[in-house]
């Protein structure tokens, strides 16, 4: 989006407002993520599930310059961050090698921090990533979508300081780095795509699968968006060149995985998939009808739905449908990215409720949700007030949980839903429980599905009324 020209004095005021909003959102994100650093993941472990695997690979890279963690496992170098016995997750490969069944970009990025300050430094590095992501989201909302700085700072600050962005800002998972990669790509796609911007998008697309193969659909959506933009701009040679580069990167990815992990994905080195094969990670007899409930449950399930912990996420529903109808420049990139990630979490992921904190499957595409929500709320004062109240309650819910998890009252993986927070405990009974399915589960699910559809319809109908009255937007095809 291009903003109208302003006088130098007005431009200085606008710049100050922008950088103040950037600072506020970044600080909020950092403080909220940092609150998760001293928490316990499980009883007897500061990290759990896949976190120790990423850390062991980072330790191996820092000390041995390789991905083989067999010596780290033998030396029990995980004792510093996982006091109880550690499930190894790996199977023995040729020569006794053990390669963690997780893509290596996160350990590669955190290895220098681990070398300097150990496992805790890796967490603090991810806290910094949370701050950078929030800052870039504010800048993108203002400079690319013509959102007013105070709205951008409010929306990004609140959502970055809430579940699930805040907890994954300190847990050693690739979710926040992947969200940052998506934010970088979207920032480039929401502007006129020049060569540097196209290369930036491609770099993000290449990075995503190396953070996790589950991000490949999102990478393909971003790649498709930049290719379509270049094609429509009659820059077809550039489009073909970038497509060729992505093809080479894809082949390199597959070859490296065959050589190192002995399969097409990292799951080939996992002990869990010896009998089923690496594709067992998505299930061999998936019930797509049953999985379809996740379309709503990723938002509304009482334990693992993100709106259970931050109700302000519900306002993303009318925001996205309003975006689809108004079709501001770049809307296609936002919509395609969100659809790719949400559909992957719904139909490809084996489960949405696992040994992790809520929202893990959708963190990667939440930058698209945040930007759409900021764009919509900037033109709807009443909705913005609702967002503020609900959002601050969500921030308080996360901070309440971090205090409990830091003092040992509960943990962030085993029993986070047993929080004593009265706001959450009251709110959760309105939401469906898919961990213990009862007739009441389906009644609540139907009710919430109807509510979400109604919100979507309302967003569609009101997309062109009273929106952005003082923030002109160029409306074009994507």
Protein backbone atom coordinates (compact mmCIF):
# COMPACT_ATOMS: atom_id res chain seq x y z
CA UNK A 1 0.00 0.00 0.00
CA UNK A 2 1.32 3.47 -0.81
CA UNK A 3 0.62 6.25 1.63
CA UNK A 4 -0.27 9.73 0.37
CA UNK A 5 2.51 12.33 0.38
CA UNK A 6 2.77 14.41 3.54
CA UNK A 7 4.64 17.53 4.55
CA UNK A 8 8.13 17.07 6.09
CA UNK A 9 6.89 17.97 9.58
CA UNK A 10 3.99 15.57 9.23
CA UNK A 11 6.34 12.87 7.94
CA UNK A 12 8.56 13.30 10.99
CA UNK A 13 5.58 12.90 13.30
CA UNK A 14 4.45 9.82 11.37
CA UNK A 15 7.93 8.32 11.59
CA UNK A 16 8.10 8.95 15.33
CA UNK A 17 4.69 7.36 15.80
CA UNK A 18 5.78 4.34 13.76
CA UNK A 19 9.01 3.76 15.66
CA UNK A 20 7.27 4.24 18.97
CA UNK A 21 4.74 1.57 17.97
CA UNK A 22 7.58 -0.70 16.84
CA UNK A 23 9.34 -0.23 20.17
CA UNK A 24 6.22 -0.84 22.26
CA UNK A 25 5.29 -4.01 20.40
CA UNK A 26 8.84 -5.37 20.46
CA UNK A 27 9.21 -4.73 24.19
CA UNK A 28 5.85 -6.35 24.90
CA UNK A 29 6.86 -9.40 22.88
CA UNK A 30 10.25 -9.68 24.56
CA UNK A 31 8.86 -9.33 28.08
CA UNK A 32 6.09 -11.85 27.46
CA UNK A 33 8.47 -14.36 25.87
CA UNK A 34 11.05 -13.83 28.62
CA UNK A 35 8.40 -14.68 31.21
CA UNK A 36 8.44 -18.21 29.81
CA UNK A 37 12.19 -18.75 30.25
CA UNK A 38 12.14 -19.77 33.96
CA UNK A 39 9.07 -21.99 33.61
CA UNK A 40 9.02 -25.78 33.83
CA UNK A 41 7.99 -27.73 30.73
CA UNK A 42 7.29 -30.88 32.71
CA UNK A 43 7.93 -32.11 36.23
CA UNK A 44 11.64 -32.86 36.34
CA UNK A 45 12.48 -31.08 33.10
CA UNK A 46 12.95 -27.47 32.03
CA UNK A 47 12.58 -28.62 28.43
CA UNK A 48 10.68 -31.57 27.02
CA UNK A 49 9.49 -33.47 23.94
CA UNK A 50 11.46 -32.18 20.92
CA UNK A 51 13.26 -29.34 22.71
CA UNK A 52 16.10 -31.54 24.05
CA UNK A 53 16.62 -32.96 20.57
CA UNK A 54 17.13 -29.52 19.06
CA UNK A 55 19.45 -28.58 21.93
CA UNK A 56 21.53 -31.75 21.62
CA UNK A 57 22.01 -31.12 17.91
CA UNK A 58 23.00 -27.52 18.63
CA UNK A 59 25.49 -28.76 21.24
CA UNK A 60 26.90 -31.24 18.73
CA UNK A 61 27.25 -28.56 16.07
CA UNK A 62 28.94 -26.23 18.54
CA UNK A 63 31.38 -28.80 19.89
CA UNK A 64 31.85 -31.44 17.17
CA UNK A 65 30.75 -29.56 14.03
CA UNK A 66 28.43 -32.39 13.03
CA UNK A 67 24.84 -33.60 13.45
CA UNK A 68 25.73 -36.90 15.13
CA UNK A 69 24.41 -36.73 18.71
CA UNK A 70 25.44 -40.25 19.74
CA UNK A 71 28.30 -38.97 21.90
CA UNK A 72 26.07 -36.31 23.47
CA UNK A 73 23.52 -38.99 24.34
CA UNK A 74 26.20 -41.27 25.78
CA UNK A 75 27.61 -38.44 27.87
CA UNK A 76 24.10 -37.46 29.01
CA UNK A 77 24.73 -33.84 28.07
CA UNK A 78 20.99 -33.30 28.35
CA UNK A 79 21.06 -33.52 32.15
CA UNK A 80 21.41 -29.74 32.49
CA UNK A 81 17.96 -29.13 30.99
CA UNK A 82 16.18 -32.48 31.36
CA UNK A 83 16.69 -33.97 34.80
CA UNK A 84 14.74 -37.18 34.24
CA UNK A 85 15.56 -39.92 31.70
CA UNK A 86 15.44 -38.67 28.11
CA UNK A 87 13.62 -40.54 25.31
CA UNK A 88 16.22 -40.72 22.54
CA UNK A 89 13.85 -40.51 19.52
CA UNK A 90 16.61 -41.80 17.21
CA UNK A 91 17.48 -45.15 15.67
CA UNK A 92 21.07 -46.29 15.14
CA UNK A 93 22.31 -45.58 11.60
CA UNK A 94 25.39 -46.92 9.84
CA UNK A 95 28.50 -46.65 12.00
CA UNK A 96 26.46 -46.11 15.15
CA UNK A 97 25.46 -42.58 14.19
CA UNK A 98 22.37 -41.07 15.77
CA UNK A 99 20.85 -38.14 13.91
CA UNK A 100 17.95 -36.37 15.57
CA UNK A 101 14.75 -36.62 13.49
CA UNK A 102 14.38 -32.87 13.23
CA UNK A 103 15.48 -30.48 10.49
CA UNK A 104 18.75 -28.75 11.32
CA UNK A 105 18.28 -25.02 10.69
CA UNK A 106 17.13 -24.19 14.23
CA UNK A 107 20.12 -25.99 15.83
CA UNK A 108 22.44 -24.32 13.30
CA UNK A 109 21.09 -20.89 14.22
CA UNK A 110 21.19 -21.51 17.98
CA UNK A 111 24.57 -23.31 18.03
CA UNK A 112 26.60 -20.09 18.54
CA UNK A 113 24.35 -19.11 21.46
CA UNK A 114 24.66 -22.59 22.97
CA UNK A 115 28.44 -22.41 22.60
CA UNK A 116 28.54 -19.12 24.46
CA UNK A 117 25.89 -19.62 27.13
CA UNK A 118 24.53 -23.14 27.03
CA UNK A 119 20.91 -24.17 26.62
CA UNK A 120 19.54 -21.12 28.42
CA UNK A 121 21.23 -18.86 25.85
CA UNK A 122 19.27 -20.62 23.10
CA UNK A 123 16.06 -19.67 24.88
CA UNK A 124 17.14 -16.05 25.20
CA UNK A 125 18.02 -16.01 21.52
CA UNK A 126 14.45 -17.06 20.73
CA UNK A 127 13.19 -14.29 23.00
CA UNK A 128 15.09 -11.88 20.76
CA UNK A 129 13.49 -13.50 17.70
CA UNK A 130 10.08 -12.80 19.26
CA UNK A 131 10.97 -9.13 19.59
CA UNK A 132 12.27 -8.85 16.03
CA UNK A 133 9.16 -10.57 14.66
CA UNK A 134 6.86 -8.18 16.51
CA UNK A 135 8.85 -5.16 15.36
CA UNK A 136 8.73 -6.26 11.72
CA UNK A 137 5.00 -6.98 11.94
CA UNK A 138 4.30 -3.43 13.12
CA UNK A 139 6.51 -1.94 10.41
CA UNK A 140 4.83 -4.10 7.76
CA UNK A 141 1.32 -3.23 8.94
CA UNK A 142 2.07 0.50 8.82
CA UNK A 143 4.29 0.73 5.74
CA UNK A 144 2.63 -1.94 3.63
CA UNK A 145 -1.03 -1.94 4.76
CA UNK A 146 -1.41 1.73 5.72
CA UNK A 147 -2.47 0.79 9.25
CA UNK A 148 -2.14 3.62 11.74
CA UNK A 149 0.82 3.12 14.11
CA UNK A 150 -1.27 3.11 17.27
CA UNK A 151 -3.48 0.35 15.87
CA UNK A 152 -0.53 -1.67 14.62
CA UNK A 153 1.28 -1.32 17.95
CA UNK A 154 -1.82 -2.34 19.88
CA UNK A 155 -2.68 -5.40 17.78
CA UNK A 156 0.85 -6.70 17.39
CA UNK A 157 1.82 -5.94 20.98
CA UNK A 158 -1.19 -7.72 22.43
CA UNK A 159 -1.05 -10.79 20.18
CA UNK A 160 2.74 -11.12 20.41
CA UNK A 161 2.43 -11.08 24.20
CA UNK A 162 -0.20 -13.83 24.20
CA UNK A 163 -0.61 -17.52 23.50
CA UNK A 164 0.77 -18.99 21.30
CA UNK A 165 3.37 -16.48 20.10
CA UNK A 166 4.67 -15.65 23.57
CA UNK A 167 5.29 -19.23 24.79
CA UNK A 168 7.02 -20.20 21.56
CA UNK A 169 9.20 -17.15 22.01
CA UNK A 170 11.12 -19.03 24.70
CA UNK A 171 10.59 -22.72 23.91
CA UNK A 172 13.27 -24.32 21.75
CA UNK A 173 11.13 -25.05 18.73
CA UNK A 174 11.32 -23.73 15.14
CA UNK A 175 7.86 -22.14 15.37
CA UNK A 176 8.94 -18.54 16.04
CA UNK A 177 11.85 -18.57 13.56
CA UNK A 178 9.41 -19.93 10.96
CA UNK A 179 6.95 -17.16 11.82
CA UNK A 180 9.76 -14.63 11.35
CA UNK A 181 10.61 -16.12 7.95
CA UNK A 182 6.96 -15.82 6.93
CA UNK A 183 6.83 -12.23 8.19
CA UNK A 184 9.90 -11.34 6.11
CA UNK A 185 8.34 -12.91 3.02
CA UNK A 186 4.99 -11.18 3.54
CA UNK A 187 6.67 -7.82 4.07
CA UNK A 188 8.29 -8.22 0.65
CA UNK A 189 5.11 -9.50 -1.03
CA UNK A 190 2.95 -6.64 0.26
CA UNK A 191 5.11 -4.13 -1.64
CA UNK A 192 5.81 -3.84 -5.36
CA UNK A 193 7.96 -6.93 -5.91
CA UNK A 194 11.35 -5.90 -7.22
CA UNK A 195 14.26 -8.27 -7.70
CA UNK A 196 15.53 -7.84 -4.14
CA UNK A 197 12.05 -8.49 -2.77
CA UNK A 198 11.62 -11.60 -4.91
CA UNK A 199 14.98 -12.94 -3.73
CA UNK A 200 13.92 -12.26 -0.14
CA UNK A 201 10.75 -14.29 -0.59
CA UNK A 202 12.69 -17.14 -2.19
CA UNK A 203 15.21 -17.12 0.67
CA UNK A 204 12.35 -17.44 3.15
CA UNK A 205 10.86 -20.28 1.10
CA UNK A 206 14.18 -22.12 1.14
CA UNK A 207 14.62 -21.62 4.88
CA UNK A 208 11.18 -22.87 5.92
CA UNK A 209 11.60 -26.60 5.08
CA UNK A 210 15.02 -26.59 6.75
CA UNK A 211 13.27 -25.39 9.90
CA UNK A 212 10.71 -28.18 9.50
CA UNK A 213 9.38 -30.15 6.56
CA UNK A 214 5.87 -29.42 7.85
CA UNK A 215 6.37 -25.84 6.67
CA UNK A 216 6.81 -26.90 3.04
CA UNK A 217 3.15 -26.14 2.09
CA UNK A 218 3.52 -22.61 3.46
CA UNK A 219 6.77 -22.20 1.53
CA UNK A 220 5.01 -23.36 -1.65
CA UNK A 221 2.19 -20.86 -1.08
CA UNK A 222 4.68 -18.02 -0.71
CA UNK A 223 6.60 -19.18 -3.77
CA UNK A 224 3.39 -19.33 -5.78
CA UNK A 225 2.45 -15.83 -4.66
CA UNK A 226 5.75 -14.28 -5.75
CA UNK A 227 5.73 -16.20 -9.05
CA UNK A 228 2.20 -14.99 -9.82
CA UNK A 229 3.13 -11.40 -9.04
CA UNK A 230 6.19 -11.57 -11.31
CA UNK A 231 4.19 -13.22 -14.09
CA UNK A 232 1.47 -10.57 -13.97
CA UNK A 233 4.13 -7.86 -14.00
CA UNK A 234 5.47 -9.35 -17.27
CA UNK A 235 8.73 -10.29 -15.53
CA UNK A 236 8.59 -13.85 -16.68
CA UNK A 237 12.32 -14.38 -17.04
CA UNK A 238 12.76 -13.45 -13.37
CA UNK A 239 9.92 -15.81 -12.45
CA UNK A 240 11.53 -18.69 -14.35
CA UNK A 241 14.93 -17.93 -12.80
CA UNK A 242 13.56 -17.96 -9.27
CA UNK A 243 11.55 -21.13 -10.00
CA UNK A 244 14.77 -22.76 -11.18
CA UNK A 245 16.53 -21.68 -8.02
CA UNK A 246 13.76 -23.14 -5.89
CA UNK A 247 13.91 -26.39 -7.86
CA UNK A 248 17.65 -26.66 -7.23
CA UNK A 249 17.09 -25.94 -3.54
CA UNK A 250 14.41 -28.63 -3.41
CA UNK A 251 16.66 -31.22 -5.01
CA UNK A 252 19.47 -30.31 -2.62
CA UNK A 253 17.08 -30.72 0.31
CA UNK A 254 16.11 -34.22 -0.81
CA UNK A 255 19.69 -35.31 -1.55
CA UNK A 256 20.99 -34.11 1.81
CA UNK A 257 18.19 -35.90 3.62
CA UNK A 258 18.91 -39.13 1.75
CA UNK A 259 22.58 -38.91 2.67
CA UNK A 260 22.25 -37.77 6.29
CA UNK A 261 18.86 -39.04 7.45
CA UNK A 262 18.67 -41.98 4.96
CA UNK A 263 15.21 -40.97 3.75
CA UNK A 264 13.25 -38.19 2.08
CA UNK A 265 12.57 -36.49 5.43
CA UNK A 266 14.16 -36.34 8.85
CA UNK A 267 11.62 -38.86 10.14
CA UNK A 268 13.64 -41.63 8.46
CA UNK A 269 16.10 -41.50 11.40
CA UNK A 270 13.39 -41.73 14.06
CA UNK A 271 12.93 -44.87 16.16
CA UNK A 272 9.17 -44.24 16.21
CA UNK A 273 8.74 -44.84 12.47
CA UNK A 274 10.92 -47.94 11.98
CA UNK A 275 7.90 -50.17 11.34
CA UNK A 276 5.53 -47.68 9.71
CA UNK A 277 8.02 -45.77 7.57
CA UNK A 278 8.61 -42.02 7.66
CA UNK A 279 5.20 -41.20 6.22
CA UNK A 280 3.70 -42.59 9.40
CA UNK A 281 4.12 -39.10 10.80
CA UNK A 282 0.89 -38.07 9.07
CA UNK A 283 -0.92 -41.38 9.66
CA UNK A 284 -1.64 -44.20 7.21
CA UNK A 285 -5.41 -44.24 7.58
CA UNK A 286 -6.31 -40.62 8.33
CA UNK A 287 -9.96 -39.84 8.96
CA UNK A 288 -10.28 -36.53 7.18
CA UNK A 289 -13.87 -36.14 8.29
CA UNK A 290 -12.78 -36.34 11.91
CA UNK A 291 -9.83 -34.04 11.27
CA UNK A 292 -12.13 -31.42 9.74
CA UNK A 293 -13.32 -30.42 13.21
CA UNK A 294 -9.93 -28.77 13.61
CA UNK A 295 -10.98 -26.04 11.18
CA UNK A 296 -12.77 -24.51 14.15
CA UNK A 297 -11.11 -26.41 17.00
CA UNK A 298 -7.70 -24.90 16.30
CA UNK A 299 -9.37 -21.74 17.54
CA UNK A 300 -12.03 -22.93 19.97
CA UNK A 301 -11.00 -26.24 21.60
CA UNK A 302 -10.87 -25.59 25.34
CA UNK A 303 -7.32 -26.82 25.96
CA UNK A 304 -5.44 -26.59 22.66
CA UNK A 305 -7.41 -23.91 20.79
CA UNK A 306 -5.63 -20.57 20.71
CA UNK A 307 -8.79 -18.55 21.45
CA UNK A 308 -9.19 -20.47 24.69
CA UNK A 309 -6.09 -18.63 25.94
CA UNK A 310 -6.42 -15.41 23.95
CA UNK A 311 -10.06 -14.66 22.97
CA UNK A 312 -8.91 -11.76 20.76
CA UNK A 313 -7.90 -14.29 18.11
CA UNK A 314 -11.62 -14.73 17.37
CA UNK A 315 -11.66 -11.30 15.73
CA UNK A 316 -9.35 -12.66 13.07
CA UNK A 317 -12.37 -14.41 11.54
CA UNK A 318 -14.22 -11.26 10.38
CA UNK A 319 -10.87 -9.65 9.61
CA UNK A 320 -9.90 -12.36 7.15
CA UNK A 321 -13.27 -12.42 5.38
CA UNK A 322 -13.24 -8.63 5.13
CA UNK A 323 -9.78 -8.89 3.58
CA UNK A 324 -11.04 -11.45 1.07
CA UNK A 325 -13.84 -9.15 -0.02
CA UNK A 326 -11.94 -5.86 -0.08
CA UNK A 327 -8.91 -7.42 -1.77
CA UNK A 328 -6.30 -4.76 -0.96
CA UNK A 329 -2.98 -5.07 -2.72
CA UNK A 330 -1.20 -8.19 -1.52
CA UNK A 331 -4.30 -9.85 -0.10
CA UNK A 332 -3.61 -12.99 -2.11
CA UNK A 333 -0.28 -13.58 -0.38
CA UNK A 334 -1.85 -13.24 3.06
CA UNK A 335 -4.77 -15.48 2.19
CA UNK A 336 -2.69 -18.18 0.49
CA UNK A 337 -0.19 -18.30 3.35
CA UNK A 338 -2.89 -18.58 5.98
CA UNK A 339 -4.81 -21.21 4.02
CA UNK A 340 -1.72 -23.35 3.45
CA UNK A 341 -0.78 -23.36 7.13
CA UNK A 342 -4.29 -23.81 8.49
CA UNK A 343 -5.09 -26.65 6.08
CA UNK A 344 -1.82 -28.37 6.97
CA UNK A 345 -2.64 -28.13 10.68
CA UNK A 346 -6.14 -29.41 9.98
CA UNK A 347 -5.66 -32.28 7.53
CA UNK A 348 -1.96 -33.18 7.43
CA UNK A 349 -0.82 -32.99 11.05
CA UNK A 350 -1.32 -36.25 12.91
CA UNK A 351 -2.87 -34.41 15.85
CA UNK A 352 -3.48 -30.87 17.10
CA UNK A 353 -3.32 -31.89 20.76
CA UNK A 354 0.08 -33.37 21.52
CA UNK A 355 2.99 -33.20 23.91
CA UNK A 356 3.41 -29.47 23.43
CA UNK A 357 1.89 -26.13 24.32
CA UNK A 358 -1.31 -25.07 22.47
CA UNK A 359 -1.09 -23.53 19.03
CA UNK A 360 2.12 -25.14 17.84
CA UNK A 361 0.67 -26.20 14.49
CA UNK A 362 -0.47 -22.70 13.46
CA UNK A 363 2.25 -20.38 14.80
CA UNK A 364 3.98 -20.28 11.42
CA UNK A 365 1.04 -18.51 9.72
CA UNK A 366 -0.09 -16.29 12.57
CA UNK A 367 1.84 -13.32 11.11
CA UNK A 368 -0.70 -13.33 8.26
CA UNK A 369 -3.51 -13.39 10.84
CA UNK A 370 -1.97 -10.54 12.83
CA UNK A 371 -1.57 -8.36 9.74
CA UNK A 372 -5.12 -9.02 8.54
CA UNK A 373 -6.50 -8.28 12.00
CA UNK A 374 -4.55 -5.03 12.31
CA UNK A 375 -5.71 -3.93 8.85
CA UNK A 376 -9.38 -4.61 9.69
CA UNK A 377 -9.40 -3.19 13.22
CA UNK A 378 -7.86 0.06 12.01
CA UNK A 379 -11.20 0.94 10.45
CA UNK A 380 -13.57 -0.43 13.12
CA UNK A 381 -13.48 1.47 16.40
CA UNK A 382 -15.96 -0.69 18.31
CA UNK A 383 -14.26 -3.89 17.28
CA UNK A 384 -10.95 -2.37 18.33
CA UNK A 385 -12.33 -1.70 21.81
CA UNK A 386 -13.53 -5.30 22.05
CA UNK A 387 -10.11 -6.46 20.89
CA UNK A 388 -8.37 -4.36 23.53
CA UNK A 389 -10.42 -5.74 26.42
CA UNK A 390 -10.26 -9.36 25.23
CA UNK A 391 -6.60 -9.01 24.30
CA UNK A 392 -5.49 -7.69 27.67
CA UNK A 393 -7.35 -10.53 29.38
CA UNK A 394 -5.44 -12.93 27.13
CA UNK A 395 -2.12 -11.33 28.02
CA UNK A 396 -2.99 -11.62 31.71
CA UNK A 397 -3.86 -15.29 31.19
CA UNK A 398 -0.41 -16.02 29.77
CA UNK A 399 1.38 -14.13 32.55
CA UNK A 400 -0.69 -15.92 35.20
CA UNK A 401 0.31 -19.23 33.66
CA UNK A 402 4.02 -18.35 33.61
CA UNK A 403 3.96 -17.55 37.32
CA UNK A 404 2.38 -20.92 38.08
CA UNK A 405 4.82 -22.77 35.82
CA UNK A 406 7.82 -20.95 37.27
CA UNK A 407 6.85 -21.69 40.88
CA UNK A 408 6.12 -25.36 40.26
CA UNK A 409 2.34 -25.20 40.65
CA UNK A 410 1.98 -26.71 37.17
CA UNK A 411 3.93 -27.07 33.93
CA UNK A 412 3.60 -25.78 30.38
CA UNK A 413 3.15 -29.21 28.80
CA UNK A 414 1.70 -31.72 31.25
CA UNK A 415 -1.08 -29.84 33.03
CA UNK A 416 -1.21 -26.22 31.85
CA UNK A 417 -5.01 -26.50 31.55
CA UNK A 418 -5.22 -26.98 35.34
CA UNK A 419 -4.35 -23.33 35.87
CA UNK A 420 -6.13 -21.64 38.75
CA UNK A 421 -6.84 -18.56 36.63
CA UNK A 422 -10.58 -17.92 37.22
CA UNK A 423 -11.00 -16.16 33.87
CA UNK A 424 -9.77 -19.16 31.92
CA UNK A 425 -11.56 -21.67 34.13
CA UNK A 426 -14.86 -19.91 33.54
CA UNK A 427 -14.32 -19.32 29.82
CA UNK A 428 -13.23 -22.88 29.05
CA UNK A 429 -16.61 -24.37 29.95
CA UNK A 430 -18.15 -22.54 27.02
CA UNK A 431 -15.72 -24.27 24.65
CA UNK A 432 -15.76 -27.84 23.23
CA UNK A 433 -13.50 -30.44 24.82
CA UNK A 434 -12.04 -32.79 22.22
CA UNK A 435 -9.75 -34.50 24.71
CA UNK A 436 -12.75 -36.04 26.44
CA UNK A 437 -15.51 -36.23 23.85
CA UNK A 438 -19.08 -36.19 25.18
CA UNK A 439 -22.41 -35.15 23.67
CA UNK A 440 -21.73 -31.72 25.15
CA UNK A 441 -18.57 -31.53 23.07
CA UNK A 442 -20.56 -31.73 19.85
CA UNK A 443 -23.20 -29.29 21.04
CA UNK A 444 -20.52 -26.73 21.86
CA UNK A 445 -18.69 -27.43 18.61
CA UNK A 446 -21.84 -26.83 16.54
CA UNK A 447 -22.65 -23.65 18.46
CA UNK A 448 -19.15 -22.29 17.98
CA UNK A 449 -19.10 -23.27 14.32
CA UNK A 450 -22.29 -21.27 13.82
CA UNK A 451 -20.80 -18.32 15.73
CA UNK A 452 -17.64 -18.39 13.61
CA UNK A 453 -19.64 -18.53 10.39
CA UNK A 454 -21.77 -15.60 11.58
CA UNK A 455 -18.63 -13.62 12.38
CA UNK A 456 -17.22 -14.44 8.96
CA UNK A 457 -20.41 -13.27 7.25
CA UNK A 458 -20.43 -10.08 9.31
CA UNK A 459 -16.84 -9.36 8.32
CA UNK A 460 -17.68 -9.92 4.65
CA UNK A 461 -20.74 -7.66 4.74
CA UNK A 462 -19.03 -4.84 6.62
CA UNK A 463 -15.76 -4.94 4.74
CA UNK A 464 -16.57 -1.80 2.77
CA UNK A 465 -18.41 0.24 5.40
CA UNK A 466 -16.64 2.77 7.60
CA UNK A 467 -13.36 0.97 7.06
CA UNK A 468 -10.13 2.96 6.99
CA UNK A 469 -11.92 6.24 6.59
CA UNK A 470 -8.73 8.23 7.13
CA UNK A 471 -6.22 5.69 5.85
CA UNK A 472 -6.70 5.35 2.06
CA UNK A 473 -5.98 1.96 0.59
CA UNK A 474 -5.33 0.99 -2.99
CA UNK A 475 -7.73 -1.83 -3.84
CA UNK A 476 -6.57 -4.06 -6.68
CA UNK A 477 -6.27 -7.68 -7.63
CA UNK A 478 -3.47 -9.56 -5.88
